[in-house]
Amino acid sequence: MFKALLLTEKDGKVTPQITQLDEERLPDGDVTVRVQYSTMNYKDGLILNGLGRLVRNYPHVPGVDFAGVVEASQHPRFKVNDTVILTGWRVGEMQWGGYAECARVKGDWLVKLPPDLTARNAMAIGTAGFSAMLCVMALEQHGVTPASGDVLVTGAAGGVGSVAVAILAKLGYRVVASTGRAETHEYLNSLGAAEIIDRASIEKPSGKLLESERWAGCIDSVGGATLAAVLPQMKYRSSVAACGLAGGTKLETTVIPFIIRGVKLLGVDSVMSPPEERKEAWSRLARDLPLDKLEAMIVPAKLEDLPALSKQILDGKVRGRVVVEIGA
């Protein structure tokens, strides 16, 4: 038996409850993991509140990320007592996830924990931080360097934004952080933000096809009107790495920034990221994300806290990264 947060659905309403489950109910997979830590991402908030039609079958154990120790393995790359990380692959959506003391998945979905990180570090990073690293790598691959100029991070006090600010600052970029929460300014400065702007200044498109060139690069976790407002402000041959939709899914813009300034809009997906890219990203996170900055991002939580936290993260009221202690 193991402890889990179980979602049930009746008449369209999703209800979370803490319960005990038998290991026989775990899904198919060739690796069983004793979960130590999980985390909460924006997607987890949607799932716990029954939004977005991300989960089709109930009862369901959510949690799109987890880190823990291999308890049983039939996979050639993993053995008992290996510490592993799971992010993405639609775990926590299509298959039971990490909000439980035990999880079973395909070994091909797992990554071994880098030697310089702990399981707790890994979940302080989670899908949000992993996405941030993929965004940084995408900007680098398209020629954005510290010498290129200011890099804007939208939704900077959230999970993706916090990790992005810390990584970019460590790599020598001048980071401009956008946030609508004045109480997070000191926090963002401590992560390495050189300048903070009010999100209201980029929350709505100006209506101009092009504006003054401001940003050499941008990591956008907001989408919607914010992304539409930023595109006309990008410098010539700059890049925007987009990985989020907290501000909406519609993008109402023109082709002018793309064909006049050669701006590149780079879509970043972490869910189906291939294994070699995952290994590189986690290696980079272990090297390029200062662990003292990571520690400052952590909001500790237990399984029992998650229903309330899920509503807060959807309302944009969670700063940094929620780390859920499960079986540590």
Protein backbone atom coordinates (compact mmCIF):
# COMPACT_ATOMS: atom_id res chain seq x y z
CA MET A 1 0.00 0.00 0.00
CA PHE A 2 1.13 3.55 -0.67
CA LYS A 3 -0.18 7.05 0.00
CA ALA A 4 -1.45 9.07 -2.95
CA LEU A 5 -3.45 12.11 -3.96
CA LEU A 6 -6.31 10.63 -5.97
CA LEU A 7 -8.65 12.58 -8.24
CA THR A 8 -12.19 11.36 -8.78
CA GLU A 9 -14.80 12.82 -11.11
CA LYS A 10 -18.58 12.97 -10.80
CA ASP A 11 -20.98 15.03 -12.90
CA GLY A 12 -18.08 17.01 -14.31
CA LYS A 13 -16.65 17.96 -10.93
CA VAL A 14 -13.14 16.76 -10.01
CA THR A 15 -12.44 16.08 -6.33
CA PRO A 16 -8.98 15.44 -4.81
CA GLN A 17 -8.51 13.19 -1.78
CA ILE A 18 -5.56 11.66 0.09
CA THR A 19 -5.91 7.89 0.18
CA GLN A 20 -4.07 4.57 0.39
CA LEU A 21 -3.69 2.53 -2.80
CA ASP A 22 -2.45 -0.96 -3.58
CA GLU A 23 0.63 -1.26 -5.83
CA GLU A 24 -1.37 -3.61 -8.04
CA ARG A 25 -3.30 -0.54 -9.26
CA LEU A 26 -0.17 1.08 -10.72
CA PRO A 27 -0.08 1.34 -14.53
CA ASP A 28 2.10 -0.80 -16.76
CA GLY A 29 5.79 0.02 -16.97
CA ASP A 30 9.22 -1.55 -16.61
CA VAL A 31 10.50 0.64 -13.75
CA THR A 32 8.89 1.13 -10.33
CA VAL A 33 10.06 4.19 -8.39
CA ARG A 34 9.71 5.02 -4.72
CA VAL A 35 8.91 8.72 -5.07
CA GLN A 36 10.80 11.12 -2.80
CA TYR A 37 9.78 14.52 -4.19
CA SER A 38 7.42 16.01 -6.71
CA THR A 39 6.52 19.57 -7.64
CA MET A 40 3.68 21.73 -8.89
CA ASN A 41 3.60 23.29 -12.34
CA TYR A 42 0.88 25.37 -13.98
CA LYS A 43 -0.31 22.23 -15.77
CA ASP A 44 -0.71 20.47 -12.40
CA GLY A 45 -2.92 23.34 -11.29
CA LEU A 46 -5.14 22.81 -14.32
CA ILE A 47 -5.35 19.06 -13.72
CA LEU A 48 -6.20 19.31 -10.02
CA ASN A 49 -9.03 21.66 -10.87
CA GLY A 50 -10.37 19.56 -13.76
CA LEU A 51 -9.53 22.17 -16.39
CA GLY A 52 -8.23 21.85 -19.93
CA ARG A 53 -9.50 18.28 -20.47
CA LEU A 54 -5.96 17.06 -19.83
CA VAL A 55 -7.17 13.97 -17.93
CA ARG A 56 -9.68 11.71 -19.63
CA ASN A 57 -9.87 8.75 -17.24
CA TYR A 58 -10.67 8.77 -13.53
CA PRO A 59 -9.79 7.90 -10.81
CA HIS A 60 -6.39 9.45 -11.50
CA VAL A 61 -3.14 10.19 -9.67
CA PRO A 62 -1.77 13.53 -10.96
CA GLY A 63 1.75 14.99 -10.76
CA VAL A 64 3.65 15.55 -14.01
CA ASP A 65 7.08 15.38 -12.32
CA PHE A 66 8.78 13.21 -9.75
CA ALA A 67 12.20 12.20 -8.48
CA GLY A 68 12.97 9.12 -6.46
CA VAL A 69 14.77 5.82 -6.11
CA VAL A 70 14.30 2.78 -8.35
CA GLU A 71 12.58 0.01 -6.42
CA ALA A 72 12.27 -2.52 -9.25
CA SER A 73 13.50 -2.47 -12.84
CA GLN A 74 13.28 -4.55 -15.97
CA HIS A 75 14.95 -1.82 -18.02
CA PRO A 76 18.62 -2.24 -19.03
CA ARG A 77 19.62 1.34 -18.15
CA PHE A 78 18.31 1.33 -14.59
CA LYS A 79 18.97 -0.78 -11.55
CA VAL A 80 17.59 -0.90 -8.02
CA ASN A 81 18.66 2.13 -5.92
CA ASP A 82 19.37 4.39 -8.92
CA THR A 83 18.01 7.90 -8.34
CA VAL A 84 15.95 9.06 -11.31
CA ILE A 85 13.96 12.02 -12.62
CA LEU A 86 10.70 12.00 -14.56
CA THR A 87 9.35 15.05 -16.36
CA GLY A 88 6.86 15.10 -19.19
CA TRP A 89 5.81 12.23 -21.47
CA ARG A 90 2.20 13.04 -20.43
CA VAL A 91 2.71 11.32 -17.08
CA GLY A 92 0.26 12.88 -14.62
CA GLU A 93 -2.13 13.41 -17.57
CA MET A 94 -2.58 10.22 -19.59
CA GLN A 95 -0.89 8.03 -16.99
CA TRP A 96 -0.69 8.12 -13.20
CA GLY A 97 1.97 10.51 -11.98
CA GLY A 98 4.11 11.63 -9.07
CA TYR A 99 1.66 12.73 -6.37
CA ALA A 100 2.08 9.37 -4.69
CA GLU A 101 4.68 7.44 -2.74
CA CYS A 102 5.04 4.99 -5.62
CA ALA A 103 5.03 5.34 -9.43
CA ARG A 104 5.53 2.97 -12.36
CA VAL A 105 6.59 4.19 -15.81
CA LYS A 106 8.54 3.24 -18.91
CA GLY A 107 12.28 3.37 -18.27
CA ASP A 108 12.80 5.21 -21.56
CA TRP A 109 11.08 8.19 -19.97
CA LEU A 110 13.51 8.44 -17.05
CA VAL A 111 16.77 10.36 -16.67
CA LYS A 112 19.41 9.50 -14.11
CA LEU A 113 19.92 12.22 -11.53
CA PRO A 114 23.09 14.23 -12.34
CA PRO A 115 25.74 13.73 -9.63
CA ASP A 116 25.74 17.41 -8.61
CA LEU A 117 21.99 17.48 -7.88
CA THR A 118 19.78 15.95 -5.20
CA ALA A 119 16.25 14.66 -5.77
CA ARG A 120 15.01 17.77 -3.96
CA ASN A 121 17.07 20.00 -6.29
CA ALA A 122 15.64 18.18 -9.28
CA MET A 123 12.07 18.87 -8.20
CA ALA A 124 12.86 22.48 -7.36
CA ILE A 125 13.72 22.56 -11.07
CA GLY A 126 10.95 20.27 -12.37
CA THR A 127 9.23 20.73 -15.71
CA ALA A 128 9.22 24.52 -15.28
CA GLY A 129 12.98 24.73 -14.78
CA PHE A 130 13.63 22.10 -17.42
CA SER A 131 11.56 24.19 -19.85
CA ALA A 132 13.53 27.29 -18.89
CA MET A 133 16.79 25.50 -19.72
CA LEU A 134 15.43 24.36 -23.07
CA CYS A 135 14.50 27.99 -23.78
CA VAL A 136 18.02 29.18 -22.93
CA MET A 137 19.48 26.49 -25.19
CA ALA A 138 17.13 27.53 -28.01
CA LEU A 139 18.24 31.17 -27.74
CA GLU A 140 21.89 30.10 -27.75
CA GLN A 141 21.36 27.88 -30.80
CA HIS A 142 19.93 30.88 -32.65
CA GLY A 143 22.82 33.19 -31.91
CA VAL A 144 21.72 35.11 -28.81
CA THR A 145 24.78 35.82 -26.63
CA PRO A 146 25.40 38.10 -23.63
CA ALA A 147 26.89 40.61 -26.07
CA SER A 148 23.66 40.73 -28.09
CA GLY A 149 21.85 42.92 -25.55
CA ASP A 150 19.07 42.70 -22.99
CA VAL A 151 17.07 39.49 -22.66
CA LEU A 152 13.48 39.83 -21.43
CA VAL A 153 11.88 37.19 -19.21
CA THR A 154 8.10 37.40 -18.95
CA GLY A 155 6.22 35.93 -15.99
CA ALA A 156 9.57 36.25 -14.25
CA ALA A 157 8.43 35.43 -10.70
CA GLY A 158 6.83 32.15 -11.75
CA GLY A 159 8.50 28.76 -12.05
CA VAL A 160 9.84 29.05 -15.61
CA GLY A 161 10.71 32.70 -15.19
CA SER A 162 12.56 32.30 -11.89
CA VAL A 163 14.85 29.58 -13.23
CA ALA A 164 15.35 31.43 -16.52
CA VAL A 165 16.42 34.60 -14.71
CA ALA A 166 18.92 32.71 -12.55
CA ILE A 167 20.45 30.76 -15.45
CA LEU A 168 20.72 33.73 -17.80
CA ALA A 169 22.32 35.88 -15.09
CA LYS A 170 24.84 33.12 -14.29
CA LEU A 171 25.74 32.93 -18.00
CA GLY A 172 26.43 36.66 -18.14
CA TYR A 173 23.29 37.99 -19.81
CA ARG A 174 21.71 41.28 -18.75
CA VAL A 175 18.25 40.09 -17.71
CA VAL A 176 15.15 42.28 -17.65
CA ALA A 177 12.38 40.67 -15.62
CA SER A 178 8.71 41.41 -16.22
CA THR A 179 6.28 40.96 -13.32
CA GLY A 180 3.03 42.40 -12.08
CA ARG A 181 3.84 41.77 -8.43
CA ALA A 182 5.79 44.55 -6.72
CA GLU A 183 6.50 42.30 -3.73
CA THR A 184 8.68 40.05 -5.93
CA HIS A 185 11.17 42.74 -6.98
CA GLU A 186 13.70 41.97 -4.25
CA TYR A 187 13.39 38.26 -5.00
CA LEU A 188 14.02 38.80 -8.72
CA ASN A 189 16.99 41.04 -8.02
CA SER A 190 18.43 38.30 -5.81
CA LEU A 191 18.14 35.84 -8.71
CA GLY A 192 20.19 38.15 -10.91
CA ALA A 193 17.68 40.42 -12.68
CA ALA A 194 19.44 43.65 -13.69
CA GLU A 195 16.17 45.50 -14.28
CA ILE A 196 12.50 44.91 -13.51
CA ILE A 197 9.61 46.22 -15.57
CA ASP A 198 5.91 46.21 -14.75
CA ARG A 199 4.09 43.64 -16.84
CA ALA A 200 1.45 46.30 -17.57
CA SER A 201 3.98 47.92 -19.92
CA ILE A 202 3.96 44.84 -22.17
CA GLU A 203 0.59 43.37 -21.28
CA LYS A 204 -1.25 44.74 -24.29
CA PRO A 205 -0.08 45.27 -27.88
CA SER A 206 0.34 48.94 -28.77
CA GLY A 207 -1.24 48.48 -32.18
CA LYS A 208 1.97 49.51 -33.95
CA LEU A 209 3.42 47.10 -36.47
CA LEU A 210 6.92 47.78 -35.11
CA GLU A 211 8.26 49.62 -32.06
CA SER A 212 11.71 50.69 -30.92
CA GLU A 213 14.11 47.73 -30.78
CA ARG A 214 14.54 46.69 -27.15
CA TRP A 215 15.20 42.97 -26.72
CA ALA A 216 17.96 40.76 -28.10
CA GLY A 217 16.11 37.73 -26.80
CA CYS A 218 13.05 36.80 -24.80
CA ILE A 219 11.92 33.81 -22.78
CA ASP A 220 8.13 33.95 -22.69
CA SER A 221 6.02 31.78 -20.39
CA VAL A 222 2.90 33.93 -20.68
CA GLY A 223 1.79 33.83 -24.32
CA GLY A 224 -1.36 35.62 -25.41
CA ALA A 225 -1.38 39.41 -25.51
CA THR A 226 2.00 39.65 -23.77
CA LEU A 227 3.77 37.72 -26.50
CA ALA A 228 1.94 39.76 -29.14
CA ALA A 229 3.10 42.97 -27.43
CA VAL A 230 6.74 41.84 -27.20
CA LEU A 231 7.22 40.75 -30.83
CA PRO A 232 7.22 44.31 -32.32
CA GLN A 233 9.84 45.31 -29.70
CA MET A 234 12.38 42.65 -30.64
CA LYS A 235 15.72 43.65 -32.15
CA TYR A 236 16.81 42.80 -35.68
CA ARG A 237 17.40 39.03 -36.01
CA SER A 238 16.54 38.41 -32.37
CA SER A 239 14.71 35.36 -30.99
CA VAL A 240 11.79 34.65 -28.67
CA ALA A 241 11.62 31.24 -26.98
CA ALA A 242 7.95 30.62 -26.12
CA CYS A 243 6.91 27.84 -23.74
CA GLY A 244 3.82 28.95 -21.83
CA LEU A 245 0.19 30.03 -22.02
CA ALA A 246 -0.63 31.49 -18.61
CA GLY A 247 -1.83 34.65 -20.38
CA GLY A 248 -3.87 32.87 -23.04
CA THR A 249 -3.54 30.69 -26.12
CA LYS A 250 -4.46 33.16 -28.84
CA LEU A 251 -1.69 35.11 -30.57
CA GLU A 252 -3.00 38.15 -32.42
CA THR A 253 -0.07 39.69 -34.26
CA THR A 254 1.27 40.45 -37.74
CA VAL A 255 4.04 38.95 -39.84
CA ILE A 256 5.90 42.29 -39.88
CA PRO A 257 8.42 41.50 -37.06
CA PHE A 258 9.30 38.26 -38.84
CA ILE A 259 9.74 39.60 -42.36
CA ILE A 260 11.13 43.10 -41.62
CA ARG A 261 13.37 42.35 -38.63
CA GLY A 262 13.87 38.62 -39.11
CA VAL A 263 12.59 37.89 -35.62
CA LYS A 264 12.48 34.17 -34.82
CA LEU A 265 9.65 32.71 -32.73
CA LEU A 266 10.93 29.46 -31.25
CA GLY A 267 8.36 27.06 -29.84
CA VAL A 268 9.76 25.09 -26.90
CA ASP A 269 8.15 21.82 -25.81
CA SER A 270 9.41 19.92 -22.78
CA VAL A 271 6.83 17.11 -22.69
CA MET A 272 8.10 15.07 -25.63
CA SER A 273 11.70 16.32 -25.58
CA PRO A 274 13.92 13.47 -26.88
CA PRO A 275 16.26 11.59 -24.50
CA GLU A 276 19.55 13.11 -25.71
CA GLU A 277 18.19 16.65 -25.39
CA ARG A 278 16.95 15.80 -21.90
CA LYS A 279 20.37 14.56 -20.84
CA GLU A 280 22.02 17.71 -22.17
CA ALA A 281 19.48 19.99 -20.49
CA TRP A 282 19.82 18.29 -17.08
CA SER A 283 23.62 18.39 -17.39
CA ARG A 284 23.40 22.11 -18.15
CA LEU A 285 21.04 22.69 -15.23
CA ALA A 286 23.50 21.01 -12.85
CA ARG A 287 26.26 23.27 -14.20
CA ASP A 288 24.57 26.59 -15.00
CA LEU A 289 21.86 26.98 -12.34
CA PRO A 290 23.32 28.30 -9.05
CA LEU A 291 22.03 26.02 -6.29
CA ASP A 292 21.87 28.87 -3.77
CA LYS A 293 19.53 30.73 -6.14
CA LEU A 294 17.51 27.54 -6.60
CA GLU A 295 17.11 27.17 -2.85
CA ALA A 296 15.72 30.70 -2.64
CA MET A 297 12.95 29.75 -5.10
CA ILE A 298 11.58 26.83 -3.06
CA VAL A 299 8.08 26.81 -1.57
CA PRO A 300 7.90 23.57 0.50
CA ALA A 301 4.67 21.56 0.49
CA LYS A 302 3.06 18.25 1.40
CA LEU A 303 0.48 16.30 -0.58
CA GLU A 304 -2.25 17.73 1.65
CA ASP A 305 -1.30 21.29 0.59
CA LEU A 306 -1.72 20.74 -3.15
CA PRO A 307 -5.45 21.39 -3.66
CA ALA A 308 -5.09 24.90 -2.22
CA LEU A 309 -1.78 25.55 -3.97
CA SER A 310 -3.29 24.45 -7.29
CA LYS A 311 -5.74 27.35 -7.14
CA GLN A 312 -2.99 29.79 -6.18
CA ILE A 313 -0.75 28.81 -9.07
CA LEU A 314 -3.60 29.33 -11.54
CA ASP A 315 -4.17 32.79 -10.05
CA GLY A 316 -0.48 33.67 -10.44
CA LYS A 317 0.05 33.85 -6.68
CA VAL A 318 2.83 31.26 -6.33
CA ARG A 319 6.36 32.66 -6.40
CA GLY A 320 9.18 30.38 -7.48
CA ARG A 321 8.99 26.59 -7.29
CA VAL A 322 6.76 24.37 -5.15
CA VAL A 323 8.64 21.30 -3.91
CA VAL A 324 6.39 18.53 -2.63
CA GLU A 325 7.99 16.23 -0.05
CA ILE A 326 6.44 12.79 -0.48
CA GLY A 327 8.71 10.01 0.73
CA ALA A 328 12.00 11.75 1.44
